[in-house]
Amino acid sequence: MYQILVVDDSVLDVDCITFLINKYELPLEVATAVNGQEALGLFQNPENHFDILFTDIKMPLMDGLELSRETRRLSPDTRIIIFSGYNDFEYAKTAITIGVQDYLMKPIVPADFAATVSRLISAIEEDGRLAEQMQKRTRLLKSHRLLLSVNNCLSKEEMDAISDEYSHLMLLECEEEFFSQEALDFQEKLEELLPFTFDYLNLYPTRSLIFIRQDNEARFKKESYLLSAAQTISLSAGEEYGRKCYITFGSLQGRASISQVYQRLEKKIETRFFF
């Protein structure tokens, strides 16, 4: 479901828009406001996000054009439809300069309203697909770059630049295949569990690597902080996935490369039965 904010000082018009949304079974949850000032307050609340703003022009306290300007500033991705009983070309011109997606006249023709809103919903969905594809591409490129750093396949300058992004590595290993089967779900679980920022790399079906970012460095003056995080991961792997997870970690102090620290951690994991 998408969120639409309908703004009009006429209760009758608001009820009409809500009726049309229900009649045409549009995938919208409706919020309402009686003027631009009230609507602006809703936009300023960080808990709210509206995919579509449907606003009258002539309203007390703040008109629809001013509300549209403020909406563009506060929420650039919100689609805006202005509707008005004033057939004035100047309003339409101003709306275009603000970046309003459409301009409907009162009284609203139901079929035109449904077609306009459906078109905007399709545009929102397409933008979402494109953003998801871009995120996947970015994640893949980052994972490839991190994998090259682990395998020491980058130049010294590139390796140093990556090492500067991170303060610690944490190596995870299971005796049975786990990370390839539960890769995405487990990564999302880690984001819930761990109170620090990191990047995640799935190395093998039985092994993965957490790159802890430099912006957490102040927290890691005591190694016990990392030990607690490792224990949390191990406990979650056992309780929620039925897997025994071995974990070791090390710092990237000085100019030690990621590949060097990884090799040390790998030896610890491989000889864990001697400890």
C-alpha atoms as a PDB file:
ATOM      1  CA  MET A   1       0.000   0.000   0.000  1.00  0.00           C
ATOM      2  CA  TYR A   2       1.073   3.560  -0.756  1.00  0.00           C
ATOM      3  CA  GLN A   3       0.348   6.663   1.325  1.00  0.00           C
ATOM      4  CA  ILE A   4      -1.642   9.621  -0.001  1.00  0.00           C
ATOM      5  CA  LEU A   5      -2.278  12.907   1.800  1.00  0.00           C
ATOM      6  CA  VAL A   6      -5.465  14.669   0.690  1.00  0.00           C
ATOM      7  CA  VAL A   7      -5.550  18.368   1.615  1.00  0.00           C
ATOM      8  CA  ASP A   8      -8.689  20.500   1.268  1.00  0.00           C
ATOM      9  CA  ASP A   9     -10.680  22.803   3.528  1.00  0.00           C
ATOM     10  CA  SER A  10     -13.858  21.258   2.111  1.00  0.00           C
ATOM     11  CA  VAL A  11     -14.878  18.105   3.990  1.00  0.00           C
ATOM     12  CA  LEU A  12     -17.177  17.222   1.069  1.00  0.00           C
ATOM     13  CA  ASP A  13     -14.261  17.230  -1.404  1.00  0.00           C
ATOM     14  CA  VAL A  14     -12.095  15.134   0.933  1.00  0.00           C
ATOM     15  CA  ASP A  15     -14.915  12.597   1.296  1.00  0.00           C
ATOM     16  CA  CYS A  16     -15.302  12.546  -2.496  1.00  0.00           C
ATOM     17  CA  ILE A  17     -11.604  11.771  -3.049  1.00  0.00           C
ATOM     18  CA  THR A  18     -11.683   9.048  -0.383  1.00  0.00           C
ATOM     19  CA  PHE A  19     -14.796   7.555  -2.018  1.00  0.00           C
ATOM     20  CA  LEU A  20     -13.101   7.445  -5.444  1.00  0.00           C
ATOM     21  CA  ILE A  21      -9.997   5.780  -4.011  1.00  0.00           C
ATOM     22  CA  ASN A  22     -12.182   3.049  -2.522  1.00  0.00           C
ATOM     23  CA  LYS A  23     -14.405   2.778  -5.593  1.00  0.00           C
ATOM     24  CA  TYR A  24     -11.478   2.196  -7.971  1.00  0.00           C
ATOM     25  CA  GLU A  25      -9.699  -0.022  -5.395  1.00  0.00           C
ATOM     26  CA  LEU A  26      -6.526   2.040  -5.611  1.00  0.00           C
ATOM     27  CA  PRO A  27      -3.729   0.713  -3.339  1.00  0.00           C
ATOM     28  CA  LEU A  28      -3.686   3.828  -1.162  1.00  0.00           C
ATOM     29  CA  GLU A  29      -3.962   4.562   2.543  1.00  0.00           C
ATOM     30  CA  VAL A  30      -5.527   7.989   3.003  1.00  0.00           C
ATOM     31  CA  ALA A  31      -4.507  10.718   5.431  1.00  0.00           C
ATOM     32  CA  THR A  32      -6.204  14.123   5.387  1.00  0.00           C
ATOM     33  CA  ALA A  33      -5.578  17.734   6.355  1.00  0.00           C
ATOM     34  CA  VAL A  34      -7.839  20.822   6.191  1.00  0.00           C
ATOM     35  CA  ASN A  35      -5.170  23.315   5.094  1.00  0.00           C
ATOM     36  CA  GLY A  36      -1.575  23.597   3.967  1.00  0.00           C
ATOM     37  CA  GLN A  37      -0.250  24.429   7.407  1.00  0.00           C
ATOM     38  CA  GLU A  38      -1.701  21.264   8.943  1.00  0.00           C
ATOM     39  CA  ALA A  39      -0.412  19.219   6.001  1.00  0.00           C
ATOM     40  CA  LEU A  40       3.057  20.723   6.382  1.00  0.00           C
ATOM     41  CA  GLY A  41       3.086  19.626  10.012  1.00  0.00           C
ATOM     42  CA  LEU A  42       2.424  16.058   8.874  1.00  0.00           C
ATOM     43  CA  PHE A  43       5.328  16.232   6.397  1.00  0.00           C
ATOM     44  CA  GLN A  44       7.626  17.606   9.095  1.00  0.00           C
ATOM     45  CA  ASN A  45       6.950  14.574  11.304  1.00  0.00           C
ATOM     46  CA  PRO A  46       9.840  12.150  10.558  1.00  0.00           C
ATOM     47  CA  GLU A  47       7.531   9.183  11.164  1.00  0.00           C
ATOM     48  CA  ASN A  48       5.380  10.132   8.155  1.00  0.00           C
ATOM     49  CA  HIS A  49       6.100   9.563   4.492  1.00  0.00           C
ATOM     50  CA  PHE A  50       3.572  10.290   1.766  1.00  0.00           C
ATOM     51  CA  ASP A  51       3.996   8.916  -1.740  1.00  0.00           C
ATOM     52  CA  ILE A  52       1.348  11.254  -3.172  1.00  0.00           C
ATOM     53  CA  LEU A  53       0.140  14.716  -2.148  1.00  0.00           C
ATOM     54  CA  PHE A  54      -3.312  15.617  -3.495  1.00  0.00           C
ATOM     55  CA  THR A  55      -4.008  19.242  -2.601  1.00  0.00           C
ATOM     56  CA  ASP A  56      -6.448  22.037  -3.342  1.00  0.00           C
ATOM     57  CA  ILE A  57      -4.967  25.428  -4.269  1.00  0.00           C
ATOM     58  CA  LYS A  58      -7.204  27.893  -2.454  1.00  0.00           C
ATOM     59  CA  MET A  59      -7.043  27.212   1.310  1.00  0.00           C
ATOM     60  CA  PRO A  60      -6.698  29.304   4.463  1.00  0.00           C
ATOM     61  CA  LEU A  61      -3.358  29.760   6.299  1.00  0.00           C
ATOM     62  CA  MET A  62      -1.262  28.164   3.534  1.00  0.00           C
ATOM     63  CA  ASP A  63      -2.374  27.550  -0.057  1.00  0.00           C
ATOM     64  CA  GLY A  64      -1.654  24.489  -2.160  1.00  0.00           C
ATOM     65  CA  LEU A  65       1.144  26.075  -4.183  1.00  0.00           C
ATOM     66  CA  GLU A  66       3.115  27.057  -1.062  1.00  0.00           C
ATOM     67  CA  LEU A  67       2.489  23.597   0.388  1.00  0.00           C
ATOM     68  CA  SER A  68       3.804  22.064  -2.830  1.00  0.00           C
ATOM     69  CA  ARG A  69       6.997  24.152  -2.604  1.00  0.00           C
ATOM     70  CA  GLU A  70       7.569  23.039   0.984  1.00  0.00           C
ATOM     71  CA  THR A  71       6.802  19.423   0.066  1.00  0.00           C
ATOM     72  CA  ARG A  72       9.414  19.537  -2.696  1.00  0.00           C
ATOM     73  CA  ARG A  73      11.935  20.735  -0.105  1.00  0.00           C
ATOM     74  CA  LEU A  74      11.032  18.241   2.623  1.00  0.00           C
ATOM     75  CA  SER A  75      10.143  15.192   0.520  1.00  0.00           C
ATOM     76  CA  PRO A  76      11.513  15.445  -3.039  1.00  0.00           C
ATOM     77  CA  ASP A  77      10.220  12.008  -4.061  1.00  0.00           C
ATOM     78  CA  THR A  78       6.563  12.753  -3.177  1.00  0.00           C
ATOM     79  CA  ARG A  79       4.339  13.007  -6.269  1.00  0.00           C
ATOM     80  CA  ILE A  80       2.064  16.045  -6.239  1.00  0.00           C
ATOM     81  CA  ILE A  81      -1.374  16.512  -7.805  1.00  0.00           C
ATOM     82  CA  ILE A  82      -3.054  19.917  -7.521  1.00  0.00           C
ATOM     83  CA  PHE A  83      -6.791  20.279  -8.017  1.00  0.00           C
ATOM     84  CA  SER A  84      -8.740  23.507  -8.111  1.00  0.00           C
ATOM     85  CA  GLY A  85     -11.928  25.140  -9.266  1.00  0.00           C
ATOM     86  CA  TYR A  86      -9.939  28.090 -10.564  1.00  0.00           C
ATOM     87  CA  ASN A  87      -9.316  27.696 -14.287  1.00  0.00           C
ATOM     88  CA  ASP A  88      -6.347  30.036 -14.262  1.00  0.00           C
ATOM     89  CA  PHE A  89      -3.327  29.424 -16.462  1.00  0.00           C
ATOM     90  CA  GLU A  90      -1.066  31.215 -13.954  1.00  0.00           C
ATOM     91  CA  TYR A  91      -1.769  28.509 -11.360  1.00  0.00           C
ATOM     92  CA  ALA A  92      -0.839  25.806 -13.870  1.00  0.00           C
ATOM     93  CA  LYS A  93       2.349  27.654 -14.834  1.00  0.00           C
ATOM     94  CA  THR A  94       3.420  28.017 -11.210  1.00  0.00           C
ATOM     95  CA  ALA A  95       2.597  24.350 -10.541  1.00  0.00           C
ATOM     96  CA  ILE A  96       4.857  23.299 -13.415  1.00  0.00           C
ATOM     97  CA  THR A  97       7.802  25.327 -12.078  1.00  0.00           C
ATOM     98  CA  ILE A  98       7.366  23.715  -8.650  1.00  0.00           C
ATOM     99  CA  GLY A  99       7.459  20.230 -10.163  1.00  0.00           C
ATOM    100  CA  VAL A 100       3.829  19.220  -9.721  1.00  0.00           C
ATOM    101  CA  GLN A 101       3.043  16.007 -11.600  1.00  0.00           C
ATOM    102  CA  ASP A 102      -0.563  16.834 -12.556  1.00  0.00           C
ATOM    103  CA  TYR A 103      -3.245  19.493 -12.360  1.00  0.00           C
ATOM    104  CA  LEU A 104      -6.939  18.525 -12.177  1.00  0.00           C
ATOM    105  CA  MET A 105      -9.946  20.823 -12.338  1.00  0.00           C
ATOM    106  CA  LYS A 106     -12.990  20.752 -10.081  1.00  0.00           C
ATOM    107  CA  PRO A 107     -15.443  19.152 -10.296  1.00  0.00           C
ATOM    108  CA  ILE A 108     -13.235  16.086 -10.606  1.00  0.00           C
ATOM    109  CA  VAL A 109     -14.122  13.579 -13.315  1.00  0.00           C
ATOM    110  CA  PRO A 110     -13.847  10.157 -11.603  1.00  0.00           C
ATOM    111  CA  ALA A 111     -12.250   8.407 -14.592  1.00  0.00           C
ATOM    112  CA  ASP A 112      -9.647  11.178 -14.951  1.00  0.00           C
ATOM    113  CA  PHE A 113      -8.845  10.987 -11.247  1.00  0.00           C
ATOM    114  CA  ALA A 114      -8.411   7.199 -11.372  1.00  0.00           C
ATOM    115  CA  ALA A 115      -6.231   7.392 -14.494  1.00  0.00           C
ATOM    116  CA  THR A 116      -4.021  10.141 -13.032  1.00  0.00           C
ATOM    117  CA  VAL A 117      -3.455   8.403  -9.688  1.00  0.00           C
ATOM    118  CA  SER A 118      -2.904   5.010 -11.354  1.00  0.00           C
ATOM    119  CA  ARG A 119      -0.256   6.574 -13.590  1.00  0.00           C
ATOM    120  CA  LEU A 120       1.548   8.029 -10.569  1.00  0.00           C
ATOM    121  CA  ILE A 121       1.411   4.707  -8.718  1.00  0.00           C
ATOM    122  CA  SER A 122       2.961   2.993 -11.764  1.00  0.00           C
ATOM    123  CA  ALA A 123       5.731   5.607 -11.788  1.00  0.00           C
ATOM    124  CA  ILE A 124       6.380   5.064  -8.069  1.00  0.00           C
ATOM    125  CA  GLU A 125       6.579   1.296  -8.605  1.00  0.00           C
ATOM    126  CA  GLU A 126       8.980   1.713 -11.522  1.00  0.00           C
ATOM    127  CA  ASP A 127      11.218   4.028  -9.489  1.00  0.00           C
ATOM    128  CA  GLY A 128      11.198   1.431  -6.704  1.00  0.00           C
ATOM    129  CA  ARG A 129      12.292  -1.295  -9.120  1.00  0.00           C
ATOM    130  CA  LEU A 130      15.089   0.900 -10.472  1.00  0.00           C
ATOM    131  CA  ALA A 131      16.251   1.807  -6.951  1.00  0.00           C
ATOM    132  CA  GLU A 132      16.266  -1.876  -5.966  1.00  0.00           C
ATOM    133  CA  GLN A 133      18.310  -2.770  -9.041  1.00  0.00           C
ATOM    134  CA  MET A 134      20.773   0.011  -8.219  1.00  0.00           C
ATOM    135  CA  GLN A 135      21.084  -1.210  -4.621  1.00  0.00           C
ATOM    136  CA  LYS A 136      21.744  -4.765  -5.811  1.00  0.00           C
ATOM    137  CA  ARG A 137      24.366  -3.517  -8.262  1.00  0.00           C
ATOM    138  CA  THR A 138      26.028  -1.425  -5.535  1.00  0.00           C
ATOM    139  CA  ARG A 139      26.069  -4.388  -3.121  1.00  0.00           C
ATOM    140  CA  LEU A 140      27.546  -6.670  -5.785  1.00  0.00           C
ATOM    141  CA  LEU A 141      30.274  -4.173  -6.655  1.00  0.00           C
ATOM    142  CA  LYS A 142      31.140  -3.681  -2.983  1.00  0.00           C
ATOM    143  CA  SER A 143      31.215  -7.448  -2.360  1.00  0.00           C
ATOM    144  CA  HIS A 144      33.495  -7.943  -5.364  1.00  0.00           C
ATOM    145  CA  ARG A 145      35.821  -5.204  -4.120  1.00  0.00           C
ATOM    146  CA  LEU A 146      35.971  -6.727  -0.626  1.00  0.00           C
ATOM    147  CA  LEU A 147      36.583 -10.200  -2.044  1.00  0.00           C
ATOM    148  CA  LEU A 148      39.508  -8.856  -4.069  1.00  0.00           C
ATOM    149  CA  SER A 149      40.928  -7.288  -0.911  1.00  0.00           C
ATOM    150  CA  VAL A 150      40.674 -10.591   0.990  1.00  0.00           C
ATOM    151  CA  ASN A 151      42.500 -12.386  -1.827  1.00  0.00           C
ATOM    152  CA  ASN A 152      45.155  -9.648  -2.059  1.00  0.00           C
ATOM    153  CA  CYS A 153      44.266  -8.891  -5.671  1.00  0.00           C
ATOM    154  CA  LEU A 154      44.340  -5.108  -5.412  1.00  0.00           C
ATOM    155  CA  SER A 155      47.141  -2.604  -5.723  1.00  0.00           C
ATOM    156  CA  LYS A 156      48.738  -1.345  -2.491  1.00  0.00           C
ATOM    157  CA  GLU A 157      46.990   2.004  -2.879  1.00  0.00           C
ATOM    158  CA  GLU A 158      43.582   0.363  -3.342  1.00  0.00           C
ATOM    159  CA  MET A 159      44.235  -2.020  -0.454  1.00  0.00           C
ATOM    160  CA  ASP A 160      45.260   0.829   1.850  1.00  0.00           C
ATOM    161  CA  ALA A 161      42.148   2.794   0.913  1.00  0.00           C
ATOM    162  CA  ILE A 162      39.871  -0.134   1.769  1.00  0.00           C
ATOM    163  CA  SER A 163      41.749  -0.913   4.990  1.00  0.00           C
ATOM    164  CA  ASP A 164      41.238   2.705   6.053  1.00  0.00           C
ATOM    165  CA  GLU A 165      37.456   2.178   5.850  1.00  0.00           C
ATOM    166  CA  TYR A 166      37.453  -0.579   8.480  1.00  0.00           C
ATOM    167  CA  SER A 167      38.811  -1.082  11.986  1.00  0.00           C
ATOM    168  CA  HIS A 168      38.233  -4.821  12.546  1.00  0.00           C
ATOM    169  CA  LEU A 169      37.437  -8.069  10.778  1.00  0.00           C
ATOM    170  CA  MET A 170      35.227 -10.787  12.247  1.00  0.00           C
ATOM    171  CA  LEU A 171      35.388 -14.257  10.683  1.00  0.00           C
ATOM    172  CA  LEU A 172      32.448 -16.650  11.048  1.00  0.00           C
ATOM    173  CA  GLU A 173      32.525 -20.367  10.233  1.00  0.00           C
ATOM    174  CA  CYS A 174      30.027 -23.223  10.487  1.00  0.00           C
ATOM    175  CA  GLU A 175      30.814 -26.932  10.164  1.00  0.00           C
ATOM    176  CA  GLU A 176      27.861 -27.406   7.788  1.00  0.00           C
ATOM    177  CA  GLU A 177      26.693 -25.366   4.816  1.00  0.00           C
ATOM    178  CA  PHE A 178      24.809 -22.361   6.132  1.00  0.00           C
ATOM    179  CA  PHE A 179      25.735 -18.970   4.729  1.00  0.00           C
ATOM    180  CA  SER A 180      24.761 -19.717   1.117  1.00  0.00           C
ATOM    181  CA  GLN A 181      21.350 -21.051   2.205  1.00  0.00           C
ATOM    182  CA  GLU A 182      20.505 -18.322   4.701  1.00  0.00           C
ATOM    183  CA  ALA A 183      22.733 -15.549   3.309  1.00  0.00           C
ATOM    184  CA  LEU A 184      20.197 -12.717   2.969  1.00  0.00           C
ATOM    185  CA  ASP A 185      18.127 -13.641   6.009  1.00  0.00           C
ATOM    186  CA  PHE A 186      21.227 -14.021   8.189  1.00  0.00           C
ATOM    187  CA  GLN A 187      22.647 -10.694   7.024  1.00  0.00           C
ATOM    188  CA  GLU A 188      19.371  -8.980   7.942  1.00  0.00           C
ATOM    189  CA  LYS A 189      19.488 -10.733  11.312  1.00  0.00           C
ATOM    190  CA  LEU A 190      23.028  -9.411  11.882  1.00  0.00           C
ATOM    191  CA  GLU A 191      21.836  -5.872  11.171  1.00  0.00           C
ATOM    192  CA  GLU A 192      19.238  -6.304  13.924  1.00  0.00           C
ATOM    193  CA  LEU A 193      21.684  -7.872  16.398  1.00  0.00           C
ATOM    194  CA  LEU A 194      24.839  -5.818  16.035  1.00  0.00           C
ATOM    195  CA  PRO A 195      24.979  -2.266  17.446  1.00  0.00           C
ATOM    196  CA  PHE A 196      27.583  -1.069  14.957  1.00  0.00           C
ATOM    197  CA  THR A 197      27.910  -0.454  11.228  1.00  0.00           C
ATOM    198  CA  PHE A 198      29.550  -3.089   9.055  1.00  0.00           C
ATOM    199  CA  ASP A 199      29.753  -4.657   5.609  1.00  0.00           C
ATOM    200  CA  TYR A 200      29.122  -8.350   5.107  1.00  0.00           C
ATOM    201  CA  LEU A 201      30.803 -10.777   2.705  1.00  0.00           C
ATOM    202  CA  ASN A 202      29.696 -14.358   2.125  1.00  0.00           C
ATOM    203  CA  LEU A 203      32.932 -16.205   1.305  1.00  0.00           C
ATOM    204  CA  TYR A 204      31.892 -19.863   1.162  1.00  0.00           C
ATOM    205  CA  PRO A 205      28.814 -21.912   2.106  1.00  0.00           C
ATOM    206  CA  THR A 206      30.479 -22.448   5.500  1.00  0.00           C
ATOM    207  CA  ARG A 207      32.274 -19.122   5.960  1.00  0.00           C
ATOM    208  CA  SER A 208      31.525 -15.409   5.993  1.00  0.00           C
ATOM    209  CA  LEU A 209      33.358 -12.224   6.963  1.00  0.00           C
ATOM    210  CA  ILE A 210      32.163  -9.068   8.724  1.00  0.00           C
ATOM    211  CA  PHE A 211      34.021  -5.815   7.966  1.00  0.00           C
ATOM    212  CA  ILE A 212      33.479  -3.464  10.922  1.00  0.00           C
ATOM    213  CA  ARG A 213      33.609   0.157   9.844  1.00  0.00           C
ATOM    214  CA  GLN A 214      35.969   2.786  11.242  1.00  0.00           C
ATOM    215  CA  ASP A 215      33.153   4.970  12.578  1.00  0.00           C
ATOM    216  CA  ASN A 216      32.670   2.433  15.380  1.00  0.00           C
ATOM    217  CA  GLU A 217      36.318   2.546  16.472  1.00  0.00           C
ATOM    218  CA  ALA A 218      35.699   4.412  19.746  1.00  0.00           C
ATOM    219  CA  ARG A 219      33.542   1.535  20.937  1.00  0.00           C
ATOM    220  CA  PHE A 220      36.269  -1.032  20.434  1.00  0.00           C
ATOM    221  CA  LYS A 221      38.924   0.243  22.807  1.00  0.00           C
ATOM    222  CA  LYS A 222      38.011  -2.776  24.900  1.00  0.00           C
ATOM    223  CA  GLU A 223      38.127  -6.131  23.148  1.00  0.00           C
ATOM    224  CA  SER A 224      35.274  -7.315  25.391  1.00  0.00           C
ATOM    225  CA  TYR A 225      32.881  -5.304  23.221  1.00  0.00           C
ATOM    226  CA  LEU A 226      33.708  -7.438  20.192  1.00  0.00           C
ATOM    227  CA  LEU A 227      33.639 -10.607  22.291  1.00  0.00           C
ATOM    228  CA  SER A 228      30.107  -9.745  23.402  1.00  0.00           C
ATOM    229  CA  ALA A 229      29.057  -9.165  19.777  1.00  0.00           C
ATOM    230  CA  ALA A 230      30.562 -12.516  18.748  1.00  0.00           C
ATOM    231  CA  GLN A 231      28.723 -14.298  21.556  1.00  0.00           C
ATOM    232  CA  THR A 232      25.452 -12.684  20.439  1.00  0.00           C
ATOM    233  CA  ILE A 233      25.962 -13.906  16.865  1.00  0.00           C
ATOM    234  CA  SER A 234      26.871 -17.417  18.015  1.00  0.00           C
ATOM    235  CA  LEU A 235      23.828 -17.620  20.279  1.00  0.00           C
ATOM    236  CA  SER A 236      21.484 -16.444  17.511  1.00  0.00           C
ATOM    237  CA  ALA A 237      22.946 -18.915  14.976  1.00  0.00           C
ATOM    238  CA  GLY A 238      22.318 -21.769  17.401  1.00  0.00           C
ATOM    239  CA  GLU A 239      18.878 -20.784  18.649  1.00  0.00           C
ATOM    240  CA  GLU A 240      17.313 -19.523  15.413  1.00  0.00           C
ATOM    241  CA  TYR A 241      19.093 -21.569  12.740  1.00  0.00           C
ATOM    242  CA  GLY A 242      20.330 -24.651  14.604  1.00  0.00           C
ATOM    243  CA  ARG A 243      23.944 -24.035  13.561  1.00  0.00           C
ATOM    244  CA  LYS A 244      27.100 -24.019  15.644  1.00  0.00           C
ATOM    245  CA  CYS A 245      29.059 -20.935  14.623  1.00  0.00           C
ATOM    246  CA  TYR A 246      32.760 -20.399  15.403  1.00  0.00           C
ATOM    247  CA  ILE A 247      33.888 -16.762  15.451  1.00  0.00           C
ATOM    248  CA  THR A 248      37.215 -14.979  15.698  1.00  0.00           C
ATOM    249  CA  PHE A 249      38.157 -11.347  15.144  1.00  0.00           C
ATOM    250  CA  GLY A 250      41.151  -9.075  14.708  1.00  0.00           C
ATOM    251  CA  SER A 251      42.007  -5.417  14.228  1.00  0.00           C
ATOM    252  CA  LEU A 252      43.390  -3.655  11.175  1.00  0.00           C
ATOM    253  CA  GLN A 253      45.902  -1.576  13.115  1.00  0.00           C
ATOM    254  CA  GLY A 254      48.667   0.231  11.287  1.00  0.00           C
ATOM    255  CA  ARG A 255      49.007  -0.605   7.605  1.00  0.00           C
ATOM    256  CA  ALA A 256      48.163  -4.294   7.982  1.00  0.00           C
ATOM    257  CA  SER A 257      46.171  -5.241   4.897  1.00  0.00           C
ATOM    258  CA  ILE A 258      42.826  -6.970   4.988  1.00  0.00           C
ATOM    259  CA  SER A 259      44.345 -10.069   3.383  1.00  0.00           C
ATOM    260  CA  GLN A 260      47.026 -10.331   6.077  1.00  0.00           C
ATOM    261  CA  VAL A 261      44.535 -10.055   8.933  1.00  0.00           C
ATOM    262  CA  TYR A 262      42.201 -12.490   7.198  1.00  0.00           C
ATOM    263  CA  GLN A 263      44.977 -15.067   6.877  1.00  0.00           C
ATOM    264  CA  ARG A 264      45.669 -14.825  10.612  1.00  0.00           C
ATOM    265  CA  LEU A 265      41.991 -15.253  11.414  1.00  0.00           C
ATOM    266  CA  GLU A 266      41.751 -18.172   9.003  1.00  0.00           C
ATOM    267  CA  LYS A 267      44.590 -19.979  10.806  1.00  0.00           C
ATOM    268  CA  LYS A 268      42.829 -19.426  14.135  1.00  0.00           C
ATOM    269  CA  ILE A 269      39.610 -20.883  12.779  1.00  0.00           C
ATOM    270  CA  GLU A 270      41.351 -23.866  11.183  1.00  0.00           C
ATOM    271  CA  THR A 271      43.255 -24.701  14.394  1.00  0.00           C
ATOM    272  CA  ARG A 272      40.374 -23.960  16.778  1.00  0.00           C
ATOM    273  CA  PHE A 273      40.352 -27.504  18.191  1.00  0.00           C
ATOM    274  CA  PHE A 274      43.768 -26.897  19.729  1.00  0.00           C
ATOM    275  CA  PHE A 275      42.485 -23.992  21.820  1.00  0.00           C
END
